[in-house]
Amino acid sequence: MKMTYLNDRTEVITRLAKREDAKDMIDFYNIVGGETDFLSFGKNEFTANVNSFQDYIEATMKENNSIILISTIDDKIIAISSINSKQKSKSMHVGVVGIVISLKYCGQGLGEVIMNYLIDFAKRNGITKKLSLNTNEENTRAIKLYEKLGFKREGLLIKENFVNGVYRNIVLMGLLL
């Protein structure tokens, strides 16, 4: 568990996700999906079954090179972040980063705190040698943060997403540890 403060001094607790968090996590994803066009899903499009998602959380937490975190204010989820890694020998050294922060809390320093937590986890787990992520090309604030933390642009997926009648490109980024 890690306690931090937003720029406005609001206390945030970041901790490991638990099986019991599954429904709240699904609900969170379905809300934030409607807050931005930068996610790979829209409002109410995160259709995971609670029992299956509970099993996913439990299985992920057993992997030494994967982690799921939730960040809360007064026990209400405001962010979910993760590193998901394959367990096959050829690719288990690569962790895929995911981070979703409620729009209300973007731009208040939480993203950098979470990303540093994830990078530290990856460096310490003894398996991960590279982190990768992808983000919407127009998500310039996130790209600036990732570059500040050492991520490099590795590629561009042209017209990868279709949002509100417009095709969007996705930037692929990586960080060698």
C-alpha atoms as a PDB file:
ATOM      1  CA  MET A   1       0.000   0.000   0.000  1.00  0.00           C
ATOM      2  CA  LYS A   2       1.220   3.469  -0.868  1.00  0.00           C
ATOM      3  CA  MET A   3      -0.213   6.744   0.333  1.00  0.00           C
ATOM      4  CA  THR A   4       0.287   9.870  -1.723  1.00  0.00           C
ATOM      5  CA  TYR A   5      -1.303  13.268  -2.179  1.00  0.00           C
ATOM      6  CA  LEU A   6      -2.710  14.951  -5.251  1.00  0.00           C
ATOM      7  CA  ASN A   7      -1.579  18.471  -6.083  1.00  0.00           C
ATOM      8  CA  ASP A   8      -4.584  19.778  -4.111  1.00  0.00           C
ATOM      9  CA  ARG A   9      -3.427  17.749  -1.026  1.00  0.00           C
ATOM     10  CA  THR A  10      -6.199  15.128  -1.309  1.00  0.00           C
ATOM     11  CA  GLU A  11      -4.984  11.801   0.129  1.00  0.00           C
ATOM     12  CA  VAL A  12      -4.862   8.855  -2.280  1.00  0.00           C
ATOM     13  CA  ILE A  13      -4.229   5.248  -1.309  1.00  0.00           C
ATOM     14  CA  THR A  14      -2.777   2.922  -3.956  1.00  0.00           C
ATOM     15  CA  ARG A  15      -2.888  -0.774  -3.145  1.00  0.00           C
ATOM     16  CA  LEU A  16      -2.975  -4.209  -4.692  1.00  0.00           C
ATOM     17  CA  ALA A  17      -6.306  -5.144  -6.212  1.00  0.00           C
ATOM     18  CA  LYS A  18      -8.201  -7.923  -4.487  1.00  0.00           C
ATOM     19  CA  ARG A  19     -10.782 -10.390  -5.713  1.00  0.00           C
ATOM     20  CA  GLU A  20     -13.443  -8.451  -3.795  1.00  0.00           C
ATOM     21  CA  ASP A  21     -12.674  -5.323  -5.871  1.00  0.00           C
ATOM     22  CA  ALA A  22     -13.861  -6.871  -9.145  1.00  0.00           C
ATOM     23  CA  LYS A  23     -17.360  -5.364  -9.317  1.00  0.00           C
ATOM     24  CA  ASP A  24     -16.162  -1.887  -8.345  1.00  0.00           C
ATOM     25  CA  MET A  25     -13.366  -2.122 -10.914  1.00  0.00           C
ATOM     26  CA  ILE A  26     -15.781  -3.113 -13.679  1.00  0.00           C
ATOM     27  CA  ASP A  27     -18.109  -0.265 -12.680  1.00  0.00           C
ATOM     28  CA  PHE A  28     -15.159   2.174 -12.694  1.00  0.00           C
ATOM     29  CA  TYR A  29     -14.081   1.093 -16.183  1.00  0.00           C
ATOM     30  CA  ASN A  30     -17.622   1.520 -17.476  1.00  0.00           C
ATOM     31  CA  ILE A  31     -17.774   5.075 -16.142  1.00  0.00           C
ATOM     32  CA  VAL A  32     -14.328   6.254 -17.288  1.00  0.00           C
ATOM     33  CA  GLY A  33     -14.899   4.690 -20.696  1.00  0.00           C
ATOM     34  CA  GLY A  34     -17.307   7.572 -21.302  1.00  0.00           C
ATOM     35  CA  GLU A  35     -14.992  10.293 -19.979  1.00  0.00           C
ATOM     36  CA  THR A  36     -12.364  10.218 -22.725  1.00  0.00           C
ATOM     37  CA  ASP A  37     -11.750   9.001 -26.242  1.00  0.00           C
ATOM     38  CA  PHE A  38      -8.246   7.838 -25.297  1.00  0.00           C
ATOM     39  CA  LEU A  39      -9.273   4.414 -23.946  1.00  0.00           C
ATOM     40  CA  SER A  40      -9.788   1.297 -26.040  1.00  0.00           C
ATOM     41  CA  PHE A  41     -13.380   1.052 -24.802  1.00  0.00           C
ATOM     42  CA  GLY A  42     -16.262   3.445 -24.357  1.00  0.00           C
ATOM     43  CA  LYS A  43     -18.931   3.995 -21.719  1.00  0.00           C
ATOM     44  CA  ASN A  44     -20.460   0.708 -20.566  1.00  0.00           C
ATOM     45  CA  GLU A  45     -18.337  -1.307 -23.020  1.00  0.00           C
ATOM     46  CA  PHE A  46     -16.281  -3.080 -20.362  1.00  0.00           C
ATOM     47  CA  THR A  47     -18.449  -6.166 -20.256  1.00  0.00           C
ATOM     48  CA  ALA A  48     -16.442  -8.488 -18.038  1.00  0.00           C
ATOM     49  CA  ASN A  49     -18.370 -10.931 -15.893  1.00  0.00           C
ATOM     50  CA  VAL A  50     -17.728 -10.317 -12.175  1.00  0.00           C
ATOM     51  CA  ASN A  51     -16.793 -13.939 -11.434  1.00  0.00           C
ATOM     52  CA  SER A  52     -14.440 -14.117 -14.424  1.00  0.00           C
ATOM     53  CA  PHE A  53     -12.876 -10.796 -13.466  1.00  0.00           C
ATOM     54  CA  GLN A  54     -12.384 -12.033  -9.898  1.00  0.00           C
ATOM     55  CA  ASP A  55     -10.560 -15.066 -11.290  1.00  0.00           C
ATOM     56  CA  TYR A  56      -8.459 -12.811 -13.542  1.00  0.00           C
ATOM     57  CA  ILE A  57      -7.409 -10.626 -10.588  1.00  0.00           C
ATOM     58  CA  GLU A  58      -6.527 -13.672  -8.512  1.00  0.00           C
ATOM     59  CA  ALA A  59      -4.545 -15.331 -11.319  1.00  0.00           C
ATOM     60  CA  THR A  60      -2.684 -12.126 -12.185  1.00  0.00           C
ATOM     61  CA  MET A  61      -1.662 -11.533  -8.593  1.00  0.00           C
ATOM     62  CA  LYS A  62      -0.043 -14.988  -8.489  1.00  0.00           C
ATOM     63  CA  GLU A  63       2.324 -14.037 -11.340  1.00  0.00           C
ATOM     64  CA  ASN A  64       5.660 -12.649 -10.146  1.00  0.00           C
ATOM     65  CA  ASN A  65       5.906 -10.311 -13.151  1.00  0.00           C
ATOM     66  CA  SER A  66       2.334  -8.943 -13.145  1.00  0.00           C
ATOM     67  CA  ILE A  67       0.469  -6.580 -10.840  1.00  0.00           C
ATOM     68  CA  ILE A  68      -2.888  -4.830 -10.615  1.00  0.00           C
ATOM     69  CA  LEU A  69      -3.245  -1.707  -8.486  1.00  0.00           C
ATOM     70  CA  ILE A  70      -6.216   0.390  -7.542  1.00  0.00           C
ATOM     71  CA  SER A  71      -5.986   3.954  -6.287  1.00  0.00           C
ATOM     72  CA  THR A  72      -8.750   5.221  -4.033  1.00  0.00           C
ATOM     73  CA  ILE A  73      -9.992   8.317  -2.258  1.00  0.00           C
ATOM     74  CA  ASP A  74     -12.216   7.479   0.705  1.00  0.00           C
ATOM     75  CA  ASP A  75     -12.413   3.860  -0.575  1.00  0.00           C
ATOM     76  CA  LYS A  76     -13.750   4.992  -3.991  1.00  0.00           C
ATOM     77  CA  ILE A  77     -11.689   3.886  -7.003  1.00  0.00           C
ATOM     78  CA  ILE A  78     -10.204   6.800  -8.937  1.00  0.00           C
ATOM     79  CA  ALA A  79      -7.556   4.877 -10.904  1.00  0.00           C
ATOM     80  CA  ILE A  80      -6.622   1.364 -11.959  1.00  0.00           C
ATOM     81  CA  SER A  81      -3.161   0.477 -13.179  1.00  0.00           C
ATOM     82  CA  SER A  82      -1.396  -2.717 -14.077  1.00  0.00           C
ATOM     83  CA  ILE A  83       1.481  -4.582 -15.583  1.00  0.00           C
ATOM     84  CA  ASN A  84       0.360  -7.708 -17.392  1.00  0.00           C
ATOM     85  CA  SER A  85       3.029 -10.150 -18.508  1.00  0.00           C
ATOM     86  CA  LYS A  86       2.856 -13.355 -20.457  1.00  0.00           C
ATOM     87  CA  GLN A  87       4.144 -16.437 -18.690  1.00  0.00           C
ATOM     88  CA  LYS A  88       5.827 -18.025 -21.715  1.00  0.00           C
ATOM     89  CA  SER A  89       9.632 -18.068 -21.648  1.00  0.00           C
ATOM     90  CA  LYS A  90      10.074 -16.114 -24.895  1.00  0.00           C
ATOM     91  CA  SER A  91       8.029 -13.115 -23.778  1.00  0.00           C
ATOM     92  CA  MET A  92       7.742 -13.158 -19.989  1.00  0.00           C
ATOM     93  CA  HIS A  93      10.408 -10.426 -19.766  1.00  0.00           C
ATOM     94  CA  VAL A  94       7.969  -7.876 -21.278  1.00  0.00           C
ATOM     95  CA  GLY A  95       5.303  -6.252 -19.143  1.00  0.00           C
ATOM     96  CA  VAL A  96       2.402  -4.393 -20.717  1.00  0.00           C
ATOM     97  CA  VAL A  97       1.448  -1.276 -18.760  1.00  0.00           C
ATOM     98  CA  GLY A  98      -2.132  -0.121 -18.420  1.00  0.00           C
ATOM     99  CA  ILE A  99      -3.240   2.977 -16.539  1.00  0.00           C
ATOM    100  CA  VAL A 100      -6.674   4.558 -16.300  1.00  0.00           C
ATOM    101  CA  ILE A 101      -7.349   7.611 -14.149  1.00  0.00           C
ATOM    102  CA  SER A 102     -10.755   9.203 -13.679  1.00  0.00           C
ATOM    103  CA  LEU A 103     -10.899  12.449 -15.643  1.00  0.00           C
ATOM    104  CA  LYS A 104     -11.583  14.422 -12.458  1.00  0.00           C
ATOM    105  CA  TYR A 105      -8.142  13.444 -11.114  1.00  0.00           C
ATOM    106  CA  CYS A 106      -6.060  13.803 -14.289  1.00  0.00           C
ATOM    107  CA  GLY A 107      -3.355  16.443 -14.255  1.00  0.00           C
ATOM    108  CA  GLN A 108      -2.895  16.294 -10.481  1.00  0.00           C
ATOM    109  CA  GLY A 109       0.313  14.261 -10.327  1.00  0.00           C
ATOM    110  CA  LEU A 110      -1.229  10.829  -9.752  1.00  0.00           C
ATOM    111  CA  GLY A 111      -0.186   9.405 -13.119  1.00  0.00           C
ATOM    112  CA  GLU A 112       3.500   9.975 -12.413  1.00  0.00           C
ATOM    113  CA  VAL A 113       3.241   8.466  -8.926  1.00  0.00           C
ATOM    114  CA  ILE A 114       1.520   5.356 -10.302  1.00  0.00           C
ATOM    115  CA  MET A 115       3.924   4.990 -13.226  1.00  0.00           C
ATOM    116  CA  ASN A 116       6.920   5.215 -10.895  1.00  0.00           C
ATOM    117  CA  TYR A 117       5.328   2.556  -8.657  1.00  0.00           C
ATOM    118  CA  LEU A 118       4.857   0.256 -11.670  1.00  0.00           C
ATOM    119  CA  ILE A 119       8.382   0.863 -12.984  1.00  0.00           C
ATOM    120  CA  ASP A 120       9.826   0.139  -9.534  1.00  0.00           C
ATOM    121  CA  PHE A 121       7.819  -3.094  -9.326  1.00  0.00           C
ATOM    122  CA  ALA A 122       9.120  -4.146 -12.756  1.00  0.00           C
ATOM    123  CA  LYS A 123      12.720  -3.404 -11.822  1.00  0.00           C
ATOM    124  CA  ARG A 124      12.457  -5.379  -8.577  1.00  0.00           C
ATOM    125  CA  ASN A 125      10.587  -8.488  -9.721  1.00  0.00           C
ATOM    126  CA  GLY A 126      13.657 -10.139 -11.253  1.00  0.00           C
ATOM    127  CA  ILE A 127      11.894 -11.063 -14.499  1.00  0.00           C
ATOM    128  CA  THR A 128      10.792  -7.926 -16.344  1.00  0.00           C
ATOM    129  CA  LYS A 129      13.387  -6.346 -18.638  1.00  0.00           C
ATOM    130  CA  LYS A 130      11.052  -4.170 -20.719  1.00  0.00           C
ATOM    131  CA  LEU A 131       7.798  -2.315 -20.249  1.00  0.00           C
ATOM    132  CA  SER A 132       5.569  -1.533 -23.193  1.00  0.00           C
ATOM    133  CA  LEU A 133       2.396   0.482 -23.570  1.00  0.00           C
ATOM    134  CA  ASN A 134       0.249   2.065 -26.201  1.00  0.00           C
ATOM    135  CA  THR A 135      -1.722   5.259 -26.144  1.00  0.00           C
ATOM    136  CA  ASN A 136      -3.790   7.425 -28.421  1.00  0.00           C
ATOM    137  CA  GLU A 137      -1.559   9.728 -30.470  1.00  0.00           C
ATOM    138  CA  GLU A 138      -3.612  12.709 -29.290  1.00  0.00           C
ATOM    139  CA  ASN A 139      -3.039  11.890 -25.611  1.00  0.00           C
ATOM    140  CA  THR A 140      -0.112  14.304 -25.533  1.00  0.00           C
ATOM    141  CA  ARG A 141      -0.102  14.807 -21.762  1.00  0.00           C
ATOM    142  CA  ALA A 142       0.330  11.054 -21.180  1.00  0.00           C
ATOM    143  CA  ILE A 143       2.963  10.758 -23.923  1.00  0.00           C
ATOM    144  CA  LYS A 144       4.922  13.629 -22.354  1.00  0.00           C
ATOM    145  CA  LEU A 145       4.842  11.839 -18.971  1.00  0.00           C
ATOM    146  CA  TYR A 146       5.916   8.509 -20.469  1.00  0.00           C
ATOM    147  CA  GLU A 147       8.817  10.175 -22.271  1.00  0.00           C
ATOM    148  CA  LYS A 148       9.820  11.973 -19.057  1.00  0.00           C
ATOM    149  CA  LEU A 149      10.012   8.556 -17.379  1.00  0.00           C
ATOM    150  CA  GLY A 150      12.251   7.177 -20.132  1.00  0.00           C
ATOM    151  CA  PHE A 151       9.789   5.507 -22.513  1.00  0.00           C
ATOM    152  CA  LYS A 152      10.696   5.739 -26.203  1.00  0.00           C
ATOM    153  CA  ARG A 153       8.366   5.720 -29.185  1.00  0.00           C
ATOM    154  CA  GLU A 154       8.657   2.385 -30.955  1.00  0.00           C
ATOM    155  CA  GLY A 155       5.935   2.585 -33.536  1.00  0.00           C
ATOM    156  CA  LEU A 156       2.641   3.961 -34.745  1.00  0.00           C
ATOM    157  CA  LEU A 157      -0.497   1.996 -35.535  1.00  0.00           C
ATOM    158  CA  ILE A 158      -2.339   3.938 -38.228  1.00  0.00           C
ATOM    159  CA  LYS A 159      -6.148   4.247 -37.930  1.00  0.00           C
ATOM    160  CA  GLU A 160      -6.150   1.712 -35.095  1.00  0.00           C
ATOM    161  CA  ASN A 161      -9.198   3.149 -33.298  1.00  0.00           C
ATOM    162  CA  PHE A 162     -12.431   4.567 -34.692  1.00  0.00           C
ATOM    163  CA  VAL A 163     -13.987   7.121 -32.344  1.00  0.00           C
ATOM    164  CA  ASN A 164     -16.925   9.417 -33.088  1.00  0.00           C
ATOM    165  CA  GLY A 165     -16.551   8.923 -36.826  1.00  0.00           C
ATOM    166  CA  VAL A 166     -12.790   9.627 -36.817  1.00  0.00           C
ATOM    167  CA  TYR A 167      -9.908   7.194 -37.129  1.00  0.00           C
ATOM    168  CA  ARG A 168      -7.202   7.579 -34.456  1.00  0.00           C
ATOM    169  CA  ASN A 169      -3.575   6.473 -34.438  1.00  0.00           C
ATOM    170  CA  ILE A 170      -1.996   4.596 -31.543  1.00  0.00           C
ATOM    171  CA  VAL A 171       1.580   5.257 -30.377  1.00  0.00           C
ATOM    172  CA  LEU A 172       3.574   2.227 -29.219  1.00  0.00           C
ATOM    173  CA  MET A 173       6.131   2.993 -26.511  1.00  0.00           C
ATOM    174  CA  GLY A 174       8.716   0.971 -24.623  1.00  0.00           C
ATOM    175  CA  LEU A 175      11.072   1.297 -21.689  1.00  0.00           C
ATOM    176  CA  LEU A 176      14.132  -0.939 -21.374  1.00  0.00           C
ATOM    177  CA  LEU A 177      14.914  -1.585 -17.716  1.00  0.00           C
END
